[in-house]
Amino acid sequence: MDIAKQVAKYESKGFNREQAEVNTLMENAAFIIFREFPDAFLLFGGATLVLYHESLRHSADLDLLSRVSASPTQGEVIASLERDLAPIARIMELEDIRFETENVGGREGRILVTTATNQRLFSIDLTRSGSAIASEIETHEVEGDEGFSTAVKSATKELLLLQKAESFLLRRNVKARDAFDIHYLGQIDATLNANLKAHLQDGLMGNEIDGAAISDRIKRVTPKLCKLELENYLPADVYSRLEEVEFAPLRDALKDLYKEWL
C-alpha cells in the first residue's frame, strides 16, 4: 500500500491531516485484521461509512462484530497489529503507537490505539452482539503490498441504516452522529427493505418504543447538540451548510426513516 497516497486521498476529501492519518491507520488495521482472521469479523459502524461509502464524518472507532463462536481474543488481535500496523505508523512519522485494553485475553471489549504520549488515535471495538444478516454482508477486495489482497467483510449500507436506526433509539443519550449518519445513508440511497423493517419493528416492540418516544428523540437533535458532536468531525463547508439551516436535514431524515411508526 502507498501510505502517502492513502493519507492524501482522505485529505482531498476534506479531512484534516490528523484525521486523514487516523483514517489511513484504521484502513490498514482493517486490512491486517481481515487478512489475519478471515471470516472472523464483520465491519460495521461509522468508520465503515468513511472507508467504503465516502462519508465525510470522521469516526475514530473501528467496530468489529464477531461472526464465529471462538473469535480471536483481544491479545491475538493486538499481536497482529503490533507486528504489522506499528511499522506503518513509523512510515507516517507518527510516534510509536501502543495498544491498550482493560481485559487483555478476552474476546470482547475495546482496544485503544494511542501514541507513546497517550494521545488517543482510534479504538477497535470487538463485540458479539448486533445484527449480522447474511444477505446484508458485502465484500471489499483490498489490495496490499506486492499485489497481495484480502477480503474485508462489512455490513451493507442498508444494514448500516438498520443498525443506526436501532442505535439512535436505544442509546441512553441521543447522539447527533447517529442522526448525521442516517441523513448521509439516505443521501446514498440506503433504504430498509421489508426484512430489515421487520427487524426494526421487533426492536421497537421489544423495547416498548412508540411514536411519541421516537418524536421526542428527534426533537433532541438540537443545534446545540449538533455543534457539540459534529463541528470538529465534519469538513467546515459541510458543517456550515447544516448549521445555516439549524440541522433540519438531519431531523427530516429521521422523520422519513421512522415515518411508519410516528
C-alpha atoms as a PDB file:
ATOM      1  CA  MET A   1       0.000   0.000   0.000  1.00  0.00           C
ATOM      2  CA  ASP A   2       1.193   3.521  -0.763  1.00  0.00           C
ATOM      3  CA  ILE A   3       0.745   5.169   2.624  1.00  0.00           C
ATOM      4  CA  ALA A   4       1.325   8.714   1.347  1.00  0.00           C
ATOM      5  CA  LYS A   5      -1.375   8.244  -1.299  1.00  0.00           C
ATOM      6  CA  GLN A   6      -3.783   6.901   1.299  1.00  0.00           C
ATOM      7  CA  VAL A   7      -3.304   9.963   3.507  1.00  0.00           C
ATOM      8  CA  ALA A   8      -3.585  12.304   0.504  1.00  0.00           C
ATOM      9  CA  LYS A   9      -6.815  10.563  -0.570  1.00  0.00           C
ATOM     10  CA  TYR A  10      -8.505  11.438   2.710  1.00  0.00           C
ATOM     11  CA  GLU A  11      -7.122  14.980   2.783  1.00  0.00           C
ATOM     12  CA  SER A  12      -8.505  15.577  -0.723  1.00  0.00           C
ATOM     13  CA  LYS A  13     -11.967  14.658   0.570  1.00  0.00           C
ATOM     14  CA  GLY A  14     -11.866  17.328   3.274  1.00  0.00           C
ATOM     15  CA  PHE A  15     -10.404  15.563   6.303  1.00  0.00           C
ATOM     16  CA  ASN A  16      -7.662  17.459   8.101  1.00  0.00           C
ATOM     17  CA  ARG A  17      -4.171  15.970   8.271  1.00  0.00           C
ATOM     18  CA  GLU A  18      -4.613  14.327  11.657  1.00  0.00           C
ATOM     19  CA  GLN A  19      -7.939  12.778  10.683  1.00  0.00           C
ATOM     20  CA  ALA A  20      -6.523  11.608   7.342  1.00  0.00           C
ATOM     21  CA  GLU A  21      -3.692   9.850   9.162  1.00  0.00           C
ATOM     22  CA  VAL A  22      -6.111   8.174  11.578  1.00  0.00           C
ATOM     23  CA  ASN A  23      -8.305   7.060   8.665  1.00  0.00           C
ATOM     24  CA  THR A  24      -5.234   5.580   6.993  1.00  0.00           C
ATOM     25  CA  LEU A  25      -4.273   3.705  10.147  1.00  0.00           C
ATOM     26  CA  MET A  26      -7.827   2.359  10.512  1.00  0.00           C
ATOM     27  CA  GLU A  27      -7.918   1.296   6.865  1.00  0.00           C
ATOM     28  CA  ASN A  28      -4.672  -0.607   7.326  1.00  0.00           C
ATOM     29  CA  ALA A  29      -5.811  -2.056  10.656  1.00  0.00           C
ATOM     30  CA  ALA A  30      -8.919  -3.459   8.955  1.00  0.00           C
ATOM     31  CA  PHE A  31      -6.740  -4.935   6.195  1.00  0.00           C
ATOM     32  CA  ILE A  32      -4.441  -6.604   8.740  1.00  0.00           C
ATOM     33  CA  ILE A  33      -7.247  -7.991  10.894  1.00  0.00           C
ATOM     34  CA  PHE A  34      -9.214  -9.443   7.976  1.00  0.00           C
ATOM     35  CA  ARG A  35      -6.054 -10.873   6.421  1.00  0.00           C
ATOM     36  CA  GLU A  36      -5.051 -12.468   9.720  1.00  0.00           C
ATOM     37  CA  PHE A  37      -8.540 -13.610  10.743  1.00  0.00           C
ATOM     38  CA  PRO A  38     -10.594 -14.156   7.569  1.00  0.00           C
ATOM     39  CA  ASP A  39     -14.322 -14.606   8.156  1.00  0.00           C
ATOM     40  CA  ALA A  40     -13.987 -13.971  11.911  1.00  0.00           C
ATOM     41  CA  PHE A  41     -15.483 -10.466  11.910  1.00  0.00           C
ATOM     42  CA  LEU A  42     -17.938  -8.111  10.248  1.00  0.00           C
ATOM     43  CA  LEU A  43     -17.006  -4.441   9.993  1.00  0.00           C
ATOM     44  CA  PHE A  44     -19.806  -2.007  10.798  1.00  0.00           C
ATOM     45  CA  GLY A  45     -20.360   1.458  12.277  1.00  0.00           C
ATOM     46  CA  GLY A  46     -19.316   4.960  11.265  1.00  0.00           C
ATOM     47  CA  ALA A  47     -15.794   4.038  10.150  1.00  0.00           C
ATOM     48  CA  THR A  48     -17.310   1.667   7.579  1.00  0.00           C
ATOM     49  CA  LEU A  49     -19.093   4.640   6.046  1.00  0.00           C
ATOM     50  CA  VAL A  50     -15.803   6.535   5.842  1.00  0.00           C
ATOM     51  CA  LEU A  51     -13.694   3.681   4.474  1.00  0.00           C
ATOM     52  CA  TYR A  52     -16.145   2.232   1.949  1.00  0.00           C
ATOM     53  CA  HIS A  53     -19.025   4.677   1.405  1.00  0.00           C
ATOM     54  CA  GLU A  54     -17.311   8.083   1.106  1.00  0.00           C
ATOM     55  CA  SER A  55     -18.732   9.607   4.302  1.00  0.00           C
ATOM     56  CA  LEU A  56     -17.021  12.783   5.486  1.00  0.00           C
ATOM     57  CA  ARG A  57     -17.865  12.402   9.184  1.00  0.00           C
ATOM     58  CA  HIS A  58     -14.696  11.460  10.991  1.00  0.00           C
ATOM     59  CA  SER A  59     -15.128   8.383  13.164  1.00  0.00           C
ATOM     60  CA  ALA A  60     -12.296   7.132  15.353  1.00  0.00           C
ATOM     61  CA  ASP A  61     -13.920   3.785  16.154  1.00  0.00           C
ATOM     62  CA  LEU A  62     -13.348   0.596  14.173  1.00  0.00           C
ATOM     63  CA  ASP A  63     -16.322  -1.605  15.081  1.00  0.00           C
ATOM     64  CA  LEU A  64     -15.982  -5.355  14.594  1.00  0.00           C
ATOM     65  CA  LEU A  65     -18.803  -7.819  15.139  1.00  0.00           C
ATOM     66  CA  SER A  66     -17.787 -11.437  15.757  1.00  0.00           C
ATOM     67  CA  ARG A  67     -19.143 -13.932  13.212  1.00  0.00           C
ATOM     68  CA  VAL A  68     -17.738 -17.105  14.793  1.00  0.00           C
ATOM     69  CA  SER A  69     -18.193 -18.757  18.180  1.00  0.00           C
ATOM     70  CA  ALA A  70     -14.484 -18.784  19.012  1.00  0.00           C
ATOM     71  CA  SER A  71     -13.461 -15.371  17.733  1.00  0.00           C
ATOM     72  CA  PRO A  72      -9.897 -14.098  18.130  1.00  0.00           C
ATOM     73  CA  THR A  73      -9.048 -12.698  21.536  1.00  0.00           C
ATOM     74  CA  GLN A  74      -8.031  -9.101  22.098  1.00  0.00           C
ATOM     75  CA  GLY A  75      -4.496 -10.329  22.689  1.00  0.00           C
ATOM     76  CA  GLU A  76      -4.393 -12.107  19.332  1.00  0.00           C
ATOM     77  CA  VAL A  77      -5.681  -9.026  17.519  1.00  0.00           C
ATOM     78  CA  ILE A  78      -3.148  -6.824  19.306  1.00  0.00           C
ATOM     79  CA  ALA A  79      -0.286  -9.158  18.414  1.00  0.00           C
ATOM     80  CA  SER A  80      -1.092  -8.894  14.695  1.00  0.00           C
ATOM     81  CA  LEU A  81      -1.347  -5.093  14.897  1.00  0.00           C
ATOM     82  CA  GLU A  82       1.891  -4.738  16.847  1.00  0.00           C
ATOM     83  CA  ARG A  83       3.645  -6.700  14.129  1.00  0.00           C
ATOM     84  CA  ASP A  84       2.122  -5.040  11.044  1.00  0.00           C
ATOM     85  CA  LEU A  85       0.437  -1.734  11.946  1.00  0.00           C
ATOM     86  CA  ALA A  86       3.189  -0.267  14.133  1.00  0.00           C
ATOM     87  CA  PRO A  87       5.677  -0.169  11.193  1.00  0.00           C
ATOM     88  CA  ILE A  88       3.095   1.686   9.100  1.00  0.00           C
ATOM     89  CA  ALA A  89       2.757   4.297  11.841  1.00  0.00           C
ATOM     90  CA  ARG A  90       6.526   4.756  11.775  1.00  0.00           C
ATOM     91  CA  ILE A  91       6.438   5.251   7.993  1.00  0.00           C
ATOM     92  CA  MET A  92       3.906   8.024   8.659  1.00  0.00           C
ATOM     93  CA  GLU A  93       6.387   9.565  11.120  1.00  0.00           C
ATOM     94  CA  LEU A  94       3.969   9.179  13.995  1.00  0.00           C
ATOM     95  CA  GLU A  95       5.174   8.427  17.483  1.00  0.00           C
ATOM     96  CA  ASP A  96       5.418   4.764  18.405  1.00  0.00           C
ATOM     97  CA  ILE A  97       1.865   3.543  18.781  1.00  0.00           C
ATOM     98  CA  ARG A  98       0.592   1.457  21.661  1.00  0.00           C
ATOM     99  CA  PHE A  99      -2.323  -0.897  22.104  1.00  0.00           C
ATOM    100  CA  GLU A 100      -4.109  -0.881  25.425  1.00  0.00           C
ATOM    101  CA  THR A 101      -7.117  -2.716  26.794  1.00  0.00           C
ATOM    102  CA  GLU A 102      -8.658  -3.274  30.179  1.00  0.00           C
ATOM    103  CA  ASN A 103      -9.011  -7.026  29.805  1.00  0.00           C
ATOM    104  CA  VAL A 104      -6.349  -8.493  27.522  1.00  0.00           C
ATOM    105  CA  GLY A 105      -7.237 -12.040  26.585  1.00  0.00           C
ATOM    106  CA  GLY A 106     -10.988 -11.528  26.379  1.00  0.00           C
ATOM    107  CA  ARG A 107     -12.915 -11.850  23.147  1.00  0.00           C
ATOM    108  CA  GLU A 108     -14.929  -8.661  23.678  1.00  0.00           C
ATOM    109  CA  GLY A 109     -14.011  -5.135  24.626  1.00  0.00           C
ATOM    110  CA  ARG A 110     -12.173  -2.081  23.365  1.00  0.00           C
ATOM    111  CA  ILE A 111      -8.595  -1.856  22.164  1.00  0.00           C
ATOM    112  CA  LEU A 112      -7.265   1.704  22.368  1.00  0.00           C
ATOM    113  CA  VAL A 113      -4.637   2.695  19.834  1.00  0.00           C
ATOM    114  CA  THR A 114      -2.588   5.541  21.294  1.00  0.00           C
ATOM    115  CA  THR A 115       0.720   7.312  20.840  1.00  0.00           C
ATOM    116  CA  ALA A 116       3.590   6.974  23.299  1.00  0.00           C
ATOM    117  CA  THR A 117       2.362  10.217  24.894  1.00  0.00           C
ATOM    118  CA  ASN A 118      -1.121   8.737  25.427  1.00  0.00           C
ATOM    119  CA  GLN A 119      -2.831  10.648  22.620  1.00  0.00           C
ATOM    120  CA  ARG A 120      -5.745   8.516  21.503  1.00  0.00           C
ATOM    121  CA  LEU A 121      -5.757   7.838  17.763  1.00  0.00           C
ATOM    122  CA  PHE A 122      -8.664   5.416  17.438  1.00  0.00           C
ATOM    123  CA  SER A 123     -10.265   2.412  19.072  1.00  0.00           C
ATOM    124  CA  ILE A 124     -11.115  -1.090  17.915  1.00  0.00           C
ATOM    125  CA  ASP A 125     -14.337  -2.368  19.444  1.00  0.00           C
ATOM    126  CA  LEU A 126     -14.812  -6.140  19.492  1.00  0.00           C
ATOM    127  CA  THR A 127     -18.408  -7.149  20.125  1.00  0.00           C
ATOM    128  CA  ARG A 128     -20.538 -10.274  19.924  1.00  0.00           C
ATOM    129  CA  SER A 129     -23.936  -8.544  19.965  1.00  0.00           C
ATOM    130  CA  GLY A 130     -25.549  -6.915  16.956  1.00  0.00           C
ATOM    131  CA  SER A 131     -27.338  -7.519  13.675  1.00  0.00           C
ATOM    132  CA  ALA A 132     -25.394  -9.676  11.185  1.00  0.00           C
ATOM    133  CA  ILE A 133     -27.872 -10.678   8.494  1.00  0.00           C
ATOM    134  CA  ALA A 134     -26.154 -12.944   5.965  1.00  0.00           C
ATOM    135  CA  SER A 135     -27.836 -11.334   2.951  1.00  0.00           C
ATOM    136  CA  GLU A 136     -26.631  -7.895   4.098  1.00  0.00           C
ATOM    137  CA  ILE A 137     -22.891  -8.573   4.104  1.00  0.00           C
ATOM    138  CA  GLU A 138     -20.640  -7.311   1.325  1.00  0.00           C
ATOM    139  CA  THR A 139     -17.004  -7.964   0.467  1.00  0.00           C
ATOM    140  CA  HIS A 140     -14.346  -5.361  -0.329  1.00  0.00           C
ATOM    141  CA  GLU A 141     -11.226  -6.689  -2.062  1.00  0.00           C
ATOM    142  CA  VAL A 142      -8.417  -4.532  -0.685  1.00  0.00           C
ATOM    143  CA  GLU A 143      -5.004  -4.501  -2.346  1.00  0.00           C
ATOM    144  CA  GLY A 144      -1.892  -4.772  -0.210  1.00  0.00           C
ATOM    145  CA  ASP A 145       1.812  -4.826  -0.939  1.00  0.00           C
ATOM    146  CA  GLU A 146       3.190  -6.798  -3.894  1.00  0.00           C
ATOM    147  CA  GLY A 147      -0.272  -7.429  -5.326  1.00  0.00           C
ATOM    148  CA  PHE A 148      -1.486  -9.249  -2.223  1.00  0.00           C
ATOM    149  CA  SER A 149      -5.139  -8.616  -1.431  1.00  0.00           C
ATOM    150  CA  THR A 150      -7.576  -9.513   1.298  1.00  0.00           C
ATOM    151  CA  ALA A 151     -11.348  -9.549   1.616  1.00  0.00           C
ATOM    152  CA  VAL A 152     -12.803  -7.152   4.160  1.00  0.00           C
ATOM    153  CA  LYS A 153     -16.365  -8.131   5.072  1.00  0.00           C
ATOM    154  CA  SER A 154     -18.651  -5.270   6.039  1.00  0.00           C
ATOM    155  CA  ALA A 155     -22.299  -4.502   6.577  1.00  0.00           C
ATOM    156  CA  THR A 156     -24.099  -3.211   3.508  1.00  0.00           C
ATOM    157  CA  LYS A 157     -25.298   0.370   3.603  1.00  0.00           C
ATOM    158  CA  GLU A 158     -28.800  -0.998   4.193  1.00  0.00           C
ATOM    159  CA  LEU A 159     -27.697  -2.999   7.236  1.00  0.00           C
ATOM    160  CA  LEU A 160     -25.771   0.043   8.455  1.00  0.00           C
ATOM    161  CA  LEU A 161     -29.024   2.004   8.204  1.00  0.00           C
ATOM    162  CA  LEU A 162     -30.813  -0.583  10.343  1.00  0.00           C
ATOM    163  CA  GLN A 163     -28.014  -0.550  12.909  1.00  0.00           C
ATOM    164  CA  LYS A 164     -28.028   3.250  13.023  1.00  0.00           C
ATOM    165  CA  ALA A 165     -31.837   3.289  13.298  1.00  0.00           C
ATOM    166  CA  GLU A 166     -31.578   0.981  16.309  1.00  0.00           C
ATOM    167  CA  SER A 167     -28.682   2.891  17.870  1.00  0.00           C
ATOM    168  CA  PHE A 168     -30.439   6.249  17.607  1.00  0.00           C
ATOM    169  CA  LEU A 169     -33.382   4.902  19.613  1.00  0.00           C
ATOM    170  CA  LEU A 170     -31.632   2.571  22.044  1.00  0.00           C
ATOM    171  CA  ARG A 171     -28.653   4.575  23.264  1.00  0.00           C
ATOM    172  CA  ARG A 172     -29.070   6.071  26.711  1.00  0.00           C
ATOM    173  CA  ASN A 173     -28.378   9.518  25.257  1.00  0.00           C
ATOM    174  CA  VAL A 174     -29.321  10.804  21.799  1.00  0.00           C
ATOM    175  CA  LYS A 175     -26.282  11.079  19.531  1.00  0.00           C
ATOM    176  CA  ALA A 176     -26.111  13.636  16.733  1.00  0.00           C
ATOM    177  CA  ARG A 177     -23.594  11.420  14.961  1.00  0.00           C
ATOM    178  CA  ASP A 178     -26.287   8.746  14.530  1.00  0.00           C
ATOM    179  CA  ALA A 179     -28.616  11.367  13.066  1.00  0.00           C
ATOM    180  CA  PHE A 180     -25.925  12.555  10.652  1.00  0.00           C
ATOM    181  CA  ASP A 181     -25.128   9.019   9.539  1.00  0.00           C
ATOM    182  CA  ILE A 182     -28.820   8.292   8.934  1.00  0.00           C
ATOM    183  CA  HIS A 183     -29.031  11.518   6.908  1.00  0.00           C
ATOM    184  CA  TYR A 184     -25.937  10.529   4.915  1.00  0.00           C
ATOM    185  CA  LEU A 185     -27.188   6.988   4.291  1.00  0.00           C
ATOM    186  CA  GLY A 186     -30.348   8.489   2.853  1.00  0.00           C
ATOM    187  CA  GLN A 187     -28.227  10.605   0.532  1.00  0.00           C
ATOM    188  CA  ILE A 188     -26.545   7.478  -0.850  1.00  0.00           C
ATOM    189  CA  ASP A 189     -29.934   5.781  -1.345  1.00  0.00           C
ATOM    190  CA  ALA A 190     -29.835   3.310   1.541  1.00  0.00           C
ATOM    191  CA  THR A 191     -33.331   2.050   2.393  1.00  0.00           C
ATOM    192  CA  LEU A 192     -34.858  -0.595   4.620  1.00  0.00           C
ATOM    193  CA  ASN A 193     -36.408  -3.493   2.749  1.00  0.00           C
ATOM    194  CA  ALA A 194     -39.293  -5.498   4.234  1.00  0.00           C
ATOM    195  CA  ASN A 195     -36.951  -7.832   6.102  1.00  0.00           C
ATOM    196  CA  LEU A 196     -34.949  -5.006   7.677  1.00  0.00           C
ATOM    197  CA  LYS A 197     -38.126  -3.125   8.580  1.00  0.00           C
ATOM    198  CA  ALA A 198     -39.336  -6.269  10.353  1.00  0.00           C
ATOM    199  CA  HIS A 199     -36.098  -6.361  12.360  1.00  0.00           C
ATOM    200  CA  LEU A 200     -36.578  -2.714  13.323  1.00  0.00           C
ATOM    201  CA  GLN A 201     -40.220  -3.337  14.215  1.00  0.00           C
ATOM    202  CA  ASP A 202     -39.190  -6.206  16.513  1.00  0.00           C
ATOM    203  CA  GLY A 203     -36.691  -3.928  18.215  1.00  0.00           C
ATOM    204  CA  LEU A 204     -39.260  -1.195  18.767  1.00  0.00           C
ATOM    205  CA  MET A 205     -41.785  -3.630  20.209  1.00  0.00           C
ATOM    206  CA  GLY A 206     -39.233  -5.421  22.370  1.00  0.00           C
ATOM    207  CA  ASN A 207     -38.084  -2.141  23.887  1.00  0.00           C
ATOM    208  CA  GLU A 208     -41.601  -0.652  24.080  1.00  0.00           C
ATOM    209  CA  ILE A 209     -40.717   2.347  21.930  1.00  0.00           C
ATOM    210  CA  ASP A 210     -43.738   4.137  20.499  1.00  0.00           C
ATOM    211  CA  GLY A 211     -44.201   7.087  18.167  1.00  0.00           C
ATOM    212  CA  ALA A 212     -44.154   9.622  20.988  1.00  0.00           C
ATOM    213  CA  ALA A 213     -40.798   8.338  22.212  1.00  0.00           C
ATOM    214  CA  ILE A 214     -39.370   8.489  18.692  1.00  0.00           C
ATOM    215  CA  SER A 215     -40.642  12.055  18.201  1.00  0.00           C
ATOM    216  CA  ASP A 216     -39.107  13.104  21.496  1.00  0.00           C
ATOM    217  CA  ARG A 217     -35.726  11.734  20.474  1.00  0.00           C
ATOM    218  CA  ILE A 218     -35.864  13.505  17.114  1.00  0.00           C
ATOM    219  CA  LYS A 219     -36.588  16.805  18.886  1.00  0.00           C
ATOM    220  CA  ARG A 220     -33.424  16.321  20.937  1.00  0.00           C
ATOM    221  CA  VAL A 221     -31.297  16.656  17.786  1.00  0.00           C
ATOM    222  CA  THR A 222     -30.865  20.346  18.519  1.00  0.00           C
ATOM    223  CA  PRO A 223     -28.363  22.815  17.039  1.00  0.00           C
ATOM    224  CA  LYS A 224     -26.559  22.810  20.395  1.00  0.00           C
ATOM    225  CA  LEU A 225     -26.129  19.020  20.377  1.00  0.00           C
ATOM    226  CA  CYS A 226     -25.085  19.000  16.726  1.00  0.00           C
ATOM    227  CA  LYS A 227     -22.487  21.704  17.291  1.00  0.00           C
ATOM    228  CA  LEU A 228     -21.023  19.765  20.196  1.00  0.00           C
ATOM    229  CA  GLU A 229     -20.821  16.445  18.361  1.00  0.00           C
ATOM    230  CA  LEU A 230     -20.287  17.388  14.723  1.00  0.00           C
ATOM    231  CA  GLU A 231     -18.397  20.662  14.392  1.00  0.00           C
ATOM    232  CA  ASN A 232     -14.960  19.107  14.829  1.00  0.00           C
ATOM    233  CA  TYR A 233     -15.809  15.943  12.896  1.00  0.00           C
ATOM    234  CA  LEU A 234     -17.065  17.327   9.578  1.00  0.00           C
ATOM    235  CA  PRO A 235     -15.311  19.428   6.925  1.00  0.00           C
ATOM    236  CA  ALA A 236     -16.031  23.102   7.600  1.00  0.00           C
ATOM    237  CA  ASP A 237     -18.134  23.593   4.464  1.00  0.00           C
ATOM    238  CA  VAL A 238     -20.293  20.534   5.166  1.00  0.00           C
ATOM    239  CA  TYR A 239     -20.846  21.605   8.746  1.00  0.00           C
ATOM    240  CA  SER A 240     -21.608  25.242   7.901  1.00  0.00           C
ATOM    241  CA  ARG A 241     -24.296  24.292   5.363  1.00  0.00           C
ATOM    242  CA  LEU A 242     -26.067  22.222   8.003  1.00  0.00           C
ATOM    243  CA  GLU A 243     -25.635  24.886  10.668  1.00  0.00           C
ATOM    244  CA  GLU A 244     -27.189  27.543   8.424  1.00  0.00           C
ATOM    245  CA  VAL A 245     -30.471  25.596   8.396  1.00  0.00           C
ATOM    246  CA  GLU A 246     -30.208  24.585  12.070  1.00  0.00           C
ATOM    247  CA  PHE A 247     -29.564  20.939  11.116  1.00  0.00           C
ATOM    248  CA  ALA A 248     -33.100  20.476   9.816  1.00  0.00           C
ATOM    249  CA  PRO A 249     -31.940  17.921   7.177  1.00  0.00           C
ATOM    250  CA  LEU A 250     -30.889  15.583   9.997  1.00  0.00           C
ATOM    251  CA  ARG A 251     -34.274  15.759  11.706  1.00  0.00           C
ATOM    252  CA  ASP A 252     -36.044  15.407   8.342  1.00  0.00           C
ATOM    253  CA  ALA A 253     -34.047  12.254   7.599  1.00  0.00           C
ATOM    254  CA  LEU A 254     -35.061  10.802  10.962  1.00  0.00           C
ATOM    255  CA  LYS A 255     -38.733  11.606  10.372  1.00  0.00           C
ATOM    256  CA  ASP A 256     -38.557   9.915   6.982  1.00  0.00           C
ATOM    257  CA  LEU A 257     -36.836   6.818   8.375  1.00  0.00           C
ATOM    258  CA  TYR A 258     -39.364   6.334  11.194  1.00  0.00           C
ATOM    259  CA  LYS A 259     -42.457   7.633   9.393  1.00  0.00           C
ATOM    260  CA  GLU A 260     -44.280   4.303   9.667  1.00  0.00           C
ATOM    261  CA  TRP A 261     -44.029   4.435  13.453  1.00  0.00           C
ATOM    262  CA  LEU A 262     -44.682   8.147  14.090  1.00  0.00           C
END
